[in-house]
């Protein structure tokens, strides 16, 4: 399964109604640390596809979602289960730290 690009139209269906835990990567194309984390996020998507849904939100294109989730700096990684936030971390992270949030 590949990473799902989220927008306001598919957010409810892909995230809030998801039976799996959802990792959301809030990012922007001009953000160096975001670009550094992108391959890590892709790896997690591949390795955990059976148990986790991995999504990205481009904050330049989806500002309302960034505001809704109080994203102040990027990259921000948010984990939701049953539509509720259960984990959050900001900045460049070790892959294992992100995976730990998903467990």
PDB file of N, CA and C in Angstrom:
ATOM      1  N   UNK A   1       0.850  -1.188   0.000  1.00  0.00           N
ATOM      2  CA  UNK A   1       0.000   0.000   0.000  1.00  0.00           C
ATOM      3  C   UNK A   1       0.885   1.237   0.000  1.00  0.00           C
ATOM      4  N   UNK A   2       0.498   2.171  -0.807  1.00  0.00           N
ATOM      5  CA  UNK A   2       1.292   3.389  -0.848  1.00  0.00           C
ATOM      6  C   UNK A   2       0.708   4.423   0.111  1.00  0.00           C
ATOM      7  N   UNK A   3       1.405   5.519   0.220  1.00  0.00           N
ATOM      8  CA  UNK A   3       0.982   6.615   1.077  1.00  0.00           C
ATOM      9  C   UNK A   3      -0.214   7.306   0.430  1.00  0.00           C
ATOM     10  N   UNK A   4      -1.193   7.644   1.242  1.00  0.00           N
ATOM     11  CA  UNK A   4      -2.409   8.304   0.760  1.00  0.00           C
ATOM     12  C   UNK A   4      -2.268   9.810   0.959  1.00  0.00           C
ATOM     13  N   UNK A   5      -2.486  10.567  -0.093  1.00  0.00           N
ATOM     14  CA  UNK A   5      -2.482  12.024   0.025  1.00  0.00           C
ATOM     15  C   UNK A   5      -3.869  12.473   0.449  1.00  0.00           C
ATOM     16  N   UNK A   6      -3.920  13.142   1.591  1.00  0.00           N
ATOM     17  CA  UNK A   6      -5.192  13.561   2.157  1.00  0.00           C
ATOM     18  C   UNK A   6      -5.560  14.979   1.744  1.00  0.00           C
ATOM     19  N   UNK A   7      -6.871  15.193   1.673  1.00  0.00           N
ATOM     20  CA  UNK A   7      -7.416  16.537   1.496  1.00  0.00           C
ATOM     21  C   UNK A   7      -8.732  16.583   2.263  1.00  0.00           C
ATOM     22  N   UNK A   8      -9.370  17.742   2.251  1.00  0.00           N
ATOM     23  CA  UNK A   8     -10.604  17.863   3.030  1.00  0.00           C
ATOM     24  C   UNK A   8     -11.704  16.938   2.505  1.00  0.00           C
ATOM     25  N   UNK A   9     -11.664  16.609   1.235  1.00  0.00           N
ATOM     26  CA  UNK A   9     -12.705  15.754   0.650  1.00  0.00           C
ATOM     27  C   UNK A   9     -12.597  14.306   1.113  1.00  0.00           C
ATOM     28  N   UNK A  10     -11.364  13.777   1.214  1.00  0.00           N
ATOM     29  CA  UNK A  10     -11.228  12.355   1.568  1.00  0.00           C
ATOM     30  C   UNK A  10     -10.842  12.127   3.029  1.00  0.00           C
ATOM     31  N   UNK A  11     -10.661  13.193   3.805  1.00  0.00           N
ATOM     32  CA  UNK A  11     -10.153  13.073   5.177  1.00  0.00           C
ATOM     33  C   UNK A  11     -11.060  12.209   6.059  1.00  0.00           C
ATOM     34  N   UNK A  12     -12.350  12.486   6.035  1.00  0.00           N
ATOM     35  CA  UNK A  12     -13.263  11.742   6.906  1.00  0.00           C
ATOM     36  C   UNK A  12     -13.244  10.255   6.569  1.00  0.00           C
ATOM     37  N   UNK A  13     -13.342   9.947   5.297  1.00  0.00           N
ATOM     38  CA  UNK A  13     -13.384   8.546   4.865  1.00  0.00           C
ATOM     39  C   UNK A  13     -12.070   7.821   5.178  1.00  0.00           C
ATOM     40  N   UNK A  14     -10.945   8.450   4.856  1.00  0.00           N
ATOM     41  CA  UNK A  14      -9.637   7.794   4.998  1.00  0.00           C
ATOM     42  C   UNK A  14      -9.132   7.763   6.440  1.00  0.00           C
ATOM     43  N   UNK A  15      -9.471   8.783   7.225  1.00  0.00           N
ATOM     44  CA  UNK A  15      -8.897   8.898   8.576  1.00  0.00           C
ATOM     45  C   UNK A  15      -9.935   8.618   9.661  1.00  0.00           C
ATOM     46  N   UNK A  16     -10.985   9.418   9.689  1.00  0.00           N
ATOM     47  CA  UNK A  16     -11.931   9.327  10.799  1.00  0.00           C
ATOM     48  C   UNK A  16     -12.702   8.012  10.798  1.00  0.00           C
ATOM     49  N   UNK A  17     -12.929   7.429   9.632  1.00  0.00           N
ATOM     50  CA  UNK A  17     -13.667   6.163   9.549  1.00  0.00           C
ATOM     51  C   UNK A  17     -12.735   4.954   9.431  1.00  0.00           C
ATOM     52  N   UNK A  18     -11.437   5.168   9.513  1.00  0.00           N
ATOM     53  CA  UNK A  18     -10.480   4.076   9.361  1.00  0.00           C
ATOM     54  C   UNK A  18     -10.540   3.119  10.545  1.00  0.00           C
ATOM     55  N   UNK A  19     -10.501   1.836  10.225  1.00  0.00           N
ATOM     56  CA  UNK A  19     -10.448   0.830  11.287  1.00  0.00           C
ATOM     57  C   UNK A  19      -9.019   0.639  11.782  1.00  0.00           C
ATOM     58  N   UNK A  20      -8.059   1.036  10.965  1.00  0.00           N
ATOM     59  CA  UNK A  20      -6.641   0.929  11.330  1.00  0.00           C
ATOM     60  C   UNK A  20      -6.183   2.231  11.979  1.00  0.00           C
ATOM     61  N   UNK A  21      -5.049   2.153  12.687  1.00  0.00           N
ATOM     62  CA  UNK A  21      -4.397   3.375  13.148  1.00  0.00           C
ATOM     63  C   UNK A  21      -3.930   4.146  11.913  1.00  0.00           C
ATOM     64  N   UNK A  22      -3.919   5.470  12.015  1.00  0.00           N
ATOM     65  CA  UNK A  22      -3.537   6.312  10.886  1.00  0.00           C
ATOM     66  C   UNK A  22      -2.364   7.206  11.300  1.00  0.00           C
ATOM     67  N   UNK A  23      -1.293   7.155  10.514  1.00  0.00           N
ATOM     68  CA  UNK A  23      -0.166   8.066  10.687  1.00  0.00           C
ATOM     69  C   UNK A  23      -0.311   9.159   9.640  1.00  0.00           C
ATOM     70  N   UNK A  24      -0.350  10.418  10.096  1.00  0.00           N
ATOM     71  CA  UNK A  24      -0.426  11.543   9.168  1.00  0.00           C
ATOM     72  C   UNK A  24       0.872  12.325   9.247  1.00  0.00           C
ATOM     73  N   UNK A  25       1.463  12.537   8.088  1.00  0.00           N
ATOM     74  CA  UNK A  25       2.677  13.345   7.945  1.00  0.00           C
ATOM     75  C   UNK A  25       2.245  14.699   7.375  1.00  0.00           C
ATOM     76  N   UNK A  26       2.310  15.745   8.215  1.00  0.00           N
ATOM     77  CA  UNK A  26       2.046  17.108   7.738  1.00  0.00           C
ATOM     78  C   UNK A  26       3.367  17.645   7.197  1.00  0.00           C
ATOM     79  N   UNK A  27       3.387  18.065   5.938  1.00  0.00           N
ATOM     80  CA  UNK A  27       4.635  18.417   5.259  1.00  0.00           C
ATOM     81  C   UNK A  27       4.404  19.546   4.260  1.00  0.00           C
ATOM     82  N   UNK A  28       5.510  20.014   3.660  1.00  0.00           N
ATOM     83  CA  UNK A  28       5.455  20.980   2.554  1.00  0.00           C
ATOM     84  C   UNK A  28       6.642  20.717   1.639  1.00  0.00           C
ATOM     85  N   UNK A  29       6.467  21.028   0.355  1.00  0.00           N
ATOM     86  CA  UNK A  29       7.508  20.737  -0.634  1.00  0.00           C
ATOM     87  C   UNK A  29       8.787  21.537  -0.393  1.00  0.00           C
ATOM     88  N   UNK A  30       8.682  22.715   0.217  1.00  0.00           N
ATOM     89  CA  UNK A  30       9.846  23.580   0.444  1.00  0.00           C
ATOM     90  C   UNK A  30      10.596  23.244   1.738  1.00  0.00           C
ATOM     91  N   UNK A  31      10.113  22.259   2.480  1.00  0.00           N
ATOM     92  CA  UNK A  31      10.660  21.926   3.804  1.00  0.00           C
ATOM     93  C   UNK A  31      11.723  20.836   3.681  1.00  0.00           C
ATOM     94  N   UNK A  32      12.989  21.194   3.934  1.00  0.00           N
ATOM     95  CA  UNK A  32      14.096  20.238   3.863  1.00  0.00           C
ATOM     96  C   UNK A  32      13.920  19.035   4.774  1.00  0.00           C
ATOM     97  N   UNK A  33      13.622  19.247   6.077  1.00  0.00           N
ATOM     98  CA  UNK A  33      13.416  18.101   6.972  1.00  0.00           C
ATOM     99  C   UNK A  33      12.256  17.205   6.514  1.00  0.00           C
ATOM    100  N   UNK A  34      11.233  17.804   5.912  1.00  0.00           N
ATOM    101  CA  UNK A  34      10.107  17.003   5.391  1.00  0.00           C
ATOM    102  C   UNK A  34      10.590  16.083   4.276  1.00  0.00           C
ATOM    103  N   UNK A  35      11.432  16.632   3.403  1.00  0.00           N
ATOM    104  CA  UNK A  35      11.958  15.816   2.299  1.00  0.00           C
ATOM    105  C   UNK A  35      12.857  14.707   2.837  1.00  0.00           C
ATOM    106  N   UNK A  36      13.593  14.992   3.913  1.00  0.00           N
ATOM    107  CA  UNK A  36      14.438  13.964   4.533  1.00  0.00           C
ATOM    108  C   UNK A  36      13.589  12.829   5.098  1.00  0.00           C
ATOM    109  N   UNK A  37      12.426  13.153   5.646  1.00  0.00           N
ATOM    110  CA  UNK A  37      11.573  12.155   6.293  1.00  0.00           C
ATOM    111  C   UNK A  37      10.719  11.372   5.307  1.00  0.00           C
ATOM    112  N   UNK A  38      10.545  11.889   4.107  1.00  0.00           N
ATOM    113  CA  UNK A  38       9.643  11.250   3.145  1.00  0.00           C
ATOM    114  C   UNK A  38       9.974   9.779   2.879  1.00  0.00           C
ATOM    115  N   UNK A  39      11.257   9.417   2.634  1.00  0.00           N
ATOM    116  CA  UNK A  39      11.562   7.993   2.411  1.00  0.00           C
ATOM    117  C   UNK A  39      11.279   7.136   3.652  1.00  0.00           C
ATOM    118  N   UNK A  40      11.447   7.710   4.839  1.00  0.00           N
ATOM    119  CA  UNK A  40      11.169   6.979   6.081  1.00  0.00           C
ATOM    120  C   UNK A  40       9.671   6.695   6.175  1.00  0.00           C
ATOM    121  N   UNK A  41       8.866   7.706   5.867  1.00  0.00           N
ATOM    122  CA  UNK A  41       7.412   7.544   5.894  1.00  0.00           C
ATOM    123  C   UNK A  41       6.991   6.480   4.879  1.00  0.00           C
ATOM    124  N   UNK A  42       7.604   6.509   3.698  1.00  0.00           N
ATOM    125  CA  UNK A  42       7.296   5.511   2.674  1.00  0.00           C
ATOM    126  C   UNK A  42       7.653   4.102   3.156  1.00  0.00           C
ATOM    127  N   UNK A  43       8.790   3.964   3.843  1.00  0.00           N
ATOM    128  CA  UNK A  43       9.204   2.657   4.377  1.00  0.00           C
ATOM    129  C   UNK A  43       8.190   2.139   5.388  1.00  0.00           C
ATOM    130  N   UNK A  44       7.767   3.032   6.283  1.00  0.00           N
ATOM    131  CA  UNK A  44       6.786   2.642   7.298  1.00  0.00           C
ATOM    132  C   UNK A  44       5.497   2.189   6.608  1.00  0.00           C
ATOM    133  N   UNK A  45       5.082   2.912   5.579  1.00  0.00           N
ATOM    134  CA  UNK A  45       3.864   2.553   4.836  1.00  0.00           C
ATOM    135  C   UNK A  45       3.978   1.146   4.271  1.00  0.00           C
ATOM    136  N   UNK A  46       5.145   0.814   3.731  1.00  0.00           N
ATOM    137  CA  UNK A  46       5.347  -0.512   3.163  1.00  0.00           C
ATOM    138  C   UNK A  46       5.417  -1.602   4.210  1.00  0.00           C
ATOM    139  N   UNK A  47       6.122  -1.335   5.293  1.00  0.00           N
ATOM    140  CA  UNK A  47       6.352  -2.350   6.318  1.00  0.00           C
ATOM    141  C   UNK A  47       5.126  -2.604   7.185  1.00  0.00           C
ATOM    142  N   UNK A  48       4.302  -1.575   7.393  1.00  0.00           N
ATOM    143  CA  UNK A  48       3.187  -1.702   8.342  1.00  0.00           C
ATOM    144  C   UNK A  48       1.827  -1.646   7.651  1.00  0.00           C
ATOM    145  N   UNK A  49       1.804  -1.945   6.354  1.00  0.00           N
ATOM    146  CA  UNK A  49       0.574  -1.768   5.574  1.00  0.00           C
ATOM    147  C   UNK A  49      -0.603  -2.588   6.088  1.00  0.00           C
ATOM    148  N   UNK A  50      -0.334  -3.687   6.766  1.00  0.00           N
ATOM    149  CA  UNK A  50      -1.427  -4.517   7.264  1.00  0.00           C
ATOM    150  C   UNK A  50      -2.096  -3.939   8.504  1.00  0.00           C
ATOM    151  N   UNK A  51      -1.353  -3.120   9.259  1.00  0.00           N
ATOM    152  CA  UNK A  51      -1.902  -2.639  10.528  1.00  0.00           C
ATOM    153  C   UNK A  51      -2.083  -1.124  10.608  1.00  0.00           C
ATOM    154  N   UNK A  52      -1.466  -0.388   9.684  1.00  0.00           N
ATOM    155  CA  UNK A  52      -1.471   1.076   9.767  1.00  0.00           C
ATOM    156  C   UNK A  52      -1.750   1.678   8.397  1.00  0.00           C
ATOM    157  N   UNK A  53      -2.507   2.762   8.388  1.00  0.00           N
ATOM    158  CA  UNK A  53      -2.724   3.533   7.172  1.00  0.00           C
ATOM    159  C   UNK A  53      -1.806   4.755   7.268  1.00  0.00           C
ATOM    160  N   UNK A  54      -0.994   4.983   6.251  1.00  0.00           N
ATOM    161  CA  UNK A  54      -0.043   6.100   6.264  1.00  0.00           C
ATOM    162  C   UNK A  54      -0.499   7.151   5.256  1.00  0.00           C
ATOM    163  N   UNK A  55      -0.606   8.390   5.742  1.00  0.00           N
ATOM    164  CA  UNK A  55      -1.137   9.478   4.926  1.00  0.00           C
ATOM    165  C   UNK A  55      -0.247  10.706   5.032  1.00  0.00           C
ATOM    166  N   UNK A  56      -0.354  11.563   4.022  1.00  0.00           N
ATOM    167  CA  UNK A  56       0.375  12.835   4.029  1.00  0.00           C
ATOM    168  C   UNK A  56      -0.604  13.967   3.763  1.00  0.00           C
ATOM    169  N   UNK A  57      -0.328  15.095   4.400  1.00  0.00           N
ATOM    170  CA  UNK A  57      -1.098  16.312   4.154  1.00  0.00           C
ATOM    171  C   UNK A  57      -0.115  17.417   3.824  1.00  0.00           C
ATOM    172  N   UNK A  58      -0.226  17.953   2.611  1.00  0.00           N
ATOM    173  CA  UNK A  58       0.584  19.094   2.199  1.00  0.00           C
ATOM    174  C   UNK A  58      -0.054  20.330   2.820  1.00  0.00           C
ATOM    175  N   UNK A  59       0.645  20.961   3.770  1.00  0.00           N
ATOM    176  CA  UNK A  59       0.032  22.069   4.514  1.00  0.00           C
ATOM    177  C   UNK A  59      -0.222  23.295   3.638  1.00  0.00           C
ATOM    178  N   UNK A  60       0.502  23.426   2.536  1.00  0.00           N
ATOM    179  CA  UNK A  60       0.257  24.559   1.638  1.00  0.00           C
ATOM    180  C   UNK A  60      -1.065  24.389   0.889  1.00  0.00           C
ATOM    181  N   UNK A  61      -1.421  23.141   0.611  1.00  0.00           N
ATOM    182  CA  UNK A  61      -2.657  22.864  -0.126  1.00  0.00           C
ATOM    183  C   UNK A  61      -3.849  22.649   0.793  1.00  0.00           C
ATOM    184  N   UNK A  62      -3.598  22.222   2.007  1.00  0.00           N
ATOM    185  CA  UNK A  62      -4.685  21.880   2.947  1.00  0.00           C
ATOM    186  C   UNK A  62      -4.504  22.635   4.264  1.00  0.00           C
ATOM    187  N   UNK A  63      -4.541  23.950   4.189  1.00  0.00           N
ATOM    188  CA  UNK A  63      -4.296  24.771   5.379  1.00  0.00           C
ATOM    189  C   UNK A  63      -5.339  24.552   6.471  1.00  0.00           C
ATOM    190  N   UNK A  64      -6.589  24.300   6.089  1.00  0.00           N
ATOM    191  CA  UNK A  64      -7.635  24.098   7.093  1.00  0.00           C
ATOM    192  C   UNK A  64      -7.353  22.878   7.961  1.00  0.00           C
ATOM    193  N   UNK A  65      -6.853  21.808   7.346  1.00  0.00           N
ATOM    194  CA  UNK A  65      -6.531  20.606   8.122  1.00  0.00           C
ATOM    195  C   UNK A  65      -5.331  20.863   9.038  1.00  0.00           C
ATOM    196  N   UNK A  66      -4.357  21.615   8.551  1.00  0.00           N
ATOM    197  CA  UNK A  66      -3.195  21.944   9.378  1.00  0.00           C
ATOM    198  C   UNK A  66      -3.625  22.762  10.591  1.00  0.00           C
ATOM    199  N   UNK A  67      -4.535  23.707  10.380  1.00  0.00           N
ATOM    200  CA  UNK A  67      -5.040  24.530  11.483  1.00  0.00           C
ATOM    201  C   UNK A  67      -5.851  23.666  12.450  1.00  0.00           C
ATOM    202  N   UNK A  68      -6.703  22.810  11.916  1.00  0.00           N
ATOM    203  CA  UNK A  68      -7.538  21.947  12.752  1.00  0.00           C
ATOM    204  C   UNK A  68      -6.698  21.095  13.698  1.00  0.00           C
ATOM    205  N   UNK A  69      -5.541  20.645  13.221  1.00  0.00           N
ATOM    206  CA  UNK A  69      -4.672  19.797  14.039  1.00  0.00           C
ATOM    207  C   UNK A  69      -3.523  20.572  14.680  1.00  0.00           C
ATOM    208  N   UNK A  70      -3.645  21.906  14.726  1.00  0.00           N
ATOM    209  CA  UNK A  70      -2.670  22.762  15.419  1.00  0.00           C
ATOM    210  C   UNK A  70      -1.232  22.492  15.010  1.00  0.00           C
ATOM    211  N   UNK A  71      -1.010  22.369  13.712  1.00  0.00           N
ATOM    212  CA  UNK A  71       0.340  22.132  13.214  1.00  0.00           C
ATOM    213  C   UNK A  71       1.063  23.479  13.155  1.00  0.00           C
ATOM    214  N   UNK A  72       2.081  23.623  13.999  1.00  0.00           N
ATOM    215  CA  UNK A  72       2.820  24.881  14.092  1.00  0.00           C
ATOM    216  C   UNK A  72       4.144  24.844  13.342  1.00  0.00           C
ATOM    217  N   UNK A  73       4.723  23.652  13.239  1.00  0.00           N
ATOM    218  CA  UNK A  73       5.958  23.508  12.482  1.00  0.00           C
ATOM    219  C   UNK A  73       5.937  22.132  11.827  1.00  0.00           C
ATOM    220  N   UNK A  74       6.776  21.978  10.819  1.00  0.00           N
ATOM    221  CA  UNK A  74       6.763  20.729  10.065  1.00  0.00           C
ATOM    222  C   UNK A  74       8.176  20.175   9.935  1.00  0.00           C
ATOM    223  N   UNK A  75       8.310  18.884   9.735  1.00  0.00           N
ATOM    224  CA  UNK A  75       7.219  17.914   9.668  1.00  0.00           C
ATOM    225  C   UNK A  75       6.599  17.655  11.037  1.00  0.00           C
ATOM    226  N   UNK A  76       5.285  17.457  11.043  1.00  0.00           N
ATOM    227  CA  UNK A  76       4.566  17.016  12.237  1.00  0.00           C
ATOM    228  C   UNK A  76       3.937  15.675  11.899  1.00  0.00           C
ATOM    229  N   UNK A  77       4.111  14.722  12.799  1.00  0.00           N
ATOM    230  CA  UNK A  77       3.539  13.395  12.623  1.00  0.00           C
ATOM    231  C   UNK A  77       2.473  13.192  13.693  1.00  0.00           C
ATOM    232  N   UNK A  78       1.261  12.887  13.253  1.00  0.00           N
ATOM    233  CA  UNK A  78       0.138  12.687  14.164  1.00  0.00           C
ATOM    234  C   UNK A  78      -0.397  11.274  13.946  1.00  0.00           C
ATOM    235  N   UNK A  79      -0.657  10.581  15.053  1.00  0.00           N
ATOM    236  CA  UNK A  79      -1.249   9.247  14.991  1.00  0.00           C
ATOM    237  C   UNK A  79      -2.670   9.334  15.538  1.00  0.00           C
ATOM    238  N   UNK A  80      -3.618   8.822  14.743  1.00  0.00           N
ATOM    239  CA  UNK A  80      -5.014   8.780  15.170  1.00  0.00           C
ATOM    240  C   UNK A  80      -5.502   7.341  15.191  1.00  0.00           C
ATOM    241  N   UNK A  81      -6.270   7.024  16.223  1.00  0.00           N
ATOM    242  CA  UNK A  81      -6.946   5.720  16.314  1.00  0.00           C
ATOM    243  C   UNK A  81      -8.401   6.018  16.612  1.00  0.00           C
ATOM    244  N   UNK A  82      -9.282   5.432  15.822  1.00  0.00           N
ATOM    245  CA  UNK A  82     -10.720   5.673  15.968  1.00  0.00           C
ATOM    246  C   UNK A  82     -11.041   7.162  15.920  1.00  0.00           C
ATOM    247  N   UNK A  83     -10.316   7.897  15.083  1.00  0.00           N
ATOM    248  CA  UNK A  83     -10.572   9.316  14.904  1.00  0.00           C
ATOM    249  C   UNK A  83     -10.012  10.216  15.987  1.00  0.00           C
ATOM    250  N   UNK A  84      -9.352   9.632  16.993  1.00  0.00           N
ATOM    251  CA  UNK A  84      -8.808  10.421  18.109  1.00  0.00           C
ATOM    252  C   UNK A  84      -7.280  10.428  18.047  1.00  0.00           C
ATOM    253  N   UNK A  85      -6.709  11.595  18.337  1.00  0.00           N
ATOM    254  CA  UNK A  85      -5.249  11.701  18.351  1.00  0.00           C
ATOM    255  C   UNK A  85      -4.685  10.953  19.561  1.00  0.00           C
ATOM    256  N   UNK A  86      -3.728  10.056  19.281  1.00  0.00           N
ATOM    257  CA  UNK A  86      -3.108   9.281  20.356  1.00  0.00           C
ATOM    258  C   UNK A  86      -1.596   9.485  20.418  1.00  0.00           C
ATOM    259  N   UNK A  87      -1.048  10.217  19.447  1.00  0.00           N
ATOM    260  CA  UNK A  87       0.385  10.470  19.456  1.00  0.00           C
ATOM    261  C   UNK A  87       0.737  11.602  18.518  1.00  0.00           C
ATOM    262  N   UNK A  88       1.841  12.291  18.842  1.00  0.00           N
ATOM    263  CA  UNK A  88       2.290  13.405  18.006  1.00  0.00           C
ATOM    264  C   UNK A  88       3.773  13.624  18.261  1.00  0.00           C
ATOM    265  N   UNK A  89       4.480  13.932  17.187  1.00  0.00           N
ATOM    266  CA  UNK A  89       5.879  14.313  17.308  1.00  0.00           C
ATOM    267  C   UNK A  89       6.197  15.299  16.187  1.00  0.00           C
ATOM    268  N   UNK A  90       7.163  16.165  16.447  1.00  0.00           N
ATOM    269  CA  UNK A  90       7.497  17.224  15.492  1.00  0.00           C
ATOM    270  C   UNK A  90       8.978  17.153  15.155  1.00  0.00           C
ATOM    271  N   UNK A  91       9.292  17.355  13.881  1.00  0.00           N
ATOM    272  CA  UNK A  91      10.685  17.403  13.451  1.00  0.00           C
ATOM    273  C   UNK A  91      11.171  16.066  12.933  1.00  0.00           C
ATOM    274  N   UNK A  92      12.435  16.054  12.554  1.00  0.00           N
ATOM    275  CA  UNK A  92      13.048  14.827  12.041  1.00  0.00           C
ATOM    276  C   UNK A  92      13.080  13.799  13.165  1.00  0.00           C
ATOM    277  N   UNK A  93      12.580  12.605  12.850  1.00  0.00           N
ATOM    278  CA  UNK A  93      12.476  11.547  13.856  1.00  0.00           C
ATOM    279  C   UNK A  93      13.169  10.283  13.366  1.00  0.00           C
ATOM    280  N   UNK A  94      13.622   9.509  14.310  1.00  0.00           N
ATOM    281  CA  UNK A  94      14.112   8.176  14.017  1.00  0.00           C
ATOM    282  C   UNK A  94      12.907   7.304  13.640  1.00  0.00           C
ATOM    283  N   UNK A  95      13.084   6.470  12.639  1.00  0.00           N
ATOM    284  CA  UNK A  95      11.997   5.601  12.177  1.00  0.00           C
ATOM    285  C   UNK A  95      11.389   4.819  13.344  1.00  0.00           C
ATOM    286  N   UNK A  96      12.228   4.309  14.247  1.00  0.00           N
ATOM    287  CA  UNK A  96      11.733   3.513  15.360  1.00  0.00           C
ATOM    288  C   UNK A  96      10.854   4.333  16.304  1.00  0.00           C
ATOM    289  N   UNK A  97      11.133   5.623  16.441  1.00  0.00           N
ATOM    290  CA  UNK A  97      10.307   6.487  17.292  1.00  0.00           C
ATOM    291  C   UNK A  97       8.900   6.607  16.719  1.00  0.00           C
ATOM    292  N   UNK A  98       8.801   6.737  15.413  1.00  0.00           N
ATOM    293  CA  UNK A  98       7.481   6.834  14.774  1.00  0.00           C
ATOM    294  C   UNK A  98       6.748   5.510  14.916  1.00  0.00           C
ATOM    295  N   UNK A  99       7.449   4.410  14.680  1.00  0.00           N
ATOM    296  CA  UNK A  99       6.824   3.087  14.817  1.00  0.00           C
ATOM    297  C   UNK A  99       6.342   2.860  16.242  1.00  0.00           C
ATOM    298  N   UNK A 100       7.123   3.316  17.226  1.00  0.00           N
ATOM    299  CA  UNK A 100       6.731   3.171  18.630  1.00  0.00           C
ATOM    300  C   UNK A 100       5.394   3.880  18.901  1.00  0.00           C
ATOM    301  N   UNK A 101       5.195   5.043  18.273  1.00  0.00           N
ATOM    302  CA  UNK A 101       3.934   5.783  18.444  1.00  0.00           C
ATOM    303  C   UNK A 101       2.742   4.995  17.898  1.00  0.00           C
ATOM    304  N   UNK A 102       3.007   4.168  16.884  1.00  0.00           N
ATOM    305  CA  UNK A 102       1.935   3.433  16.219  1.00  0.00           C
ATOM    306  C   UNK A 102       1.526   2.163  16.947  1.00  0.00           C
ATOM    307  N   UNK A 103       2.321   1.742  17.911  1.00  0.00           N
ATOM    308  CA  UNK A 103       2.034   0.467  18.592  1.00  0.00           C
ATOM    309  C   UNK A 103       1.057   0.649  19.734  1.00  0.00           C
TER     310      UNK A 103
END
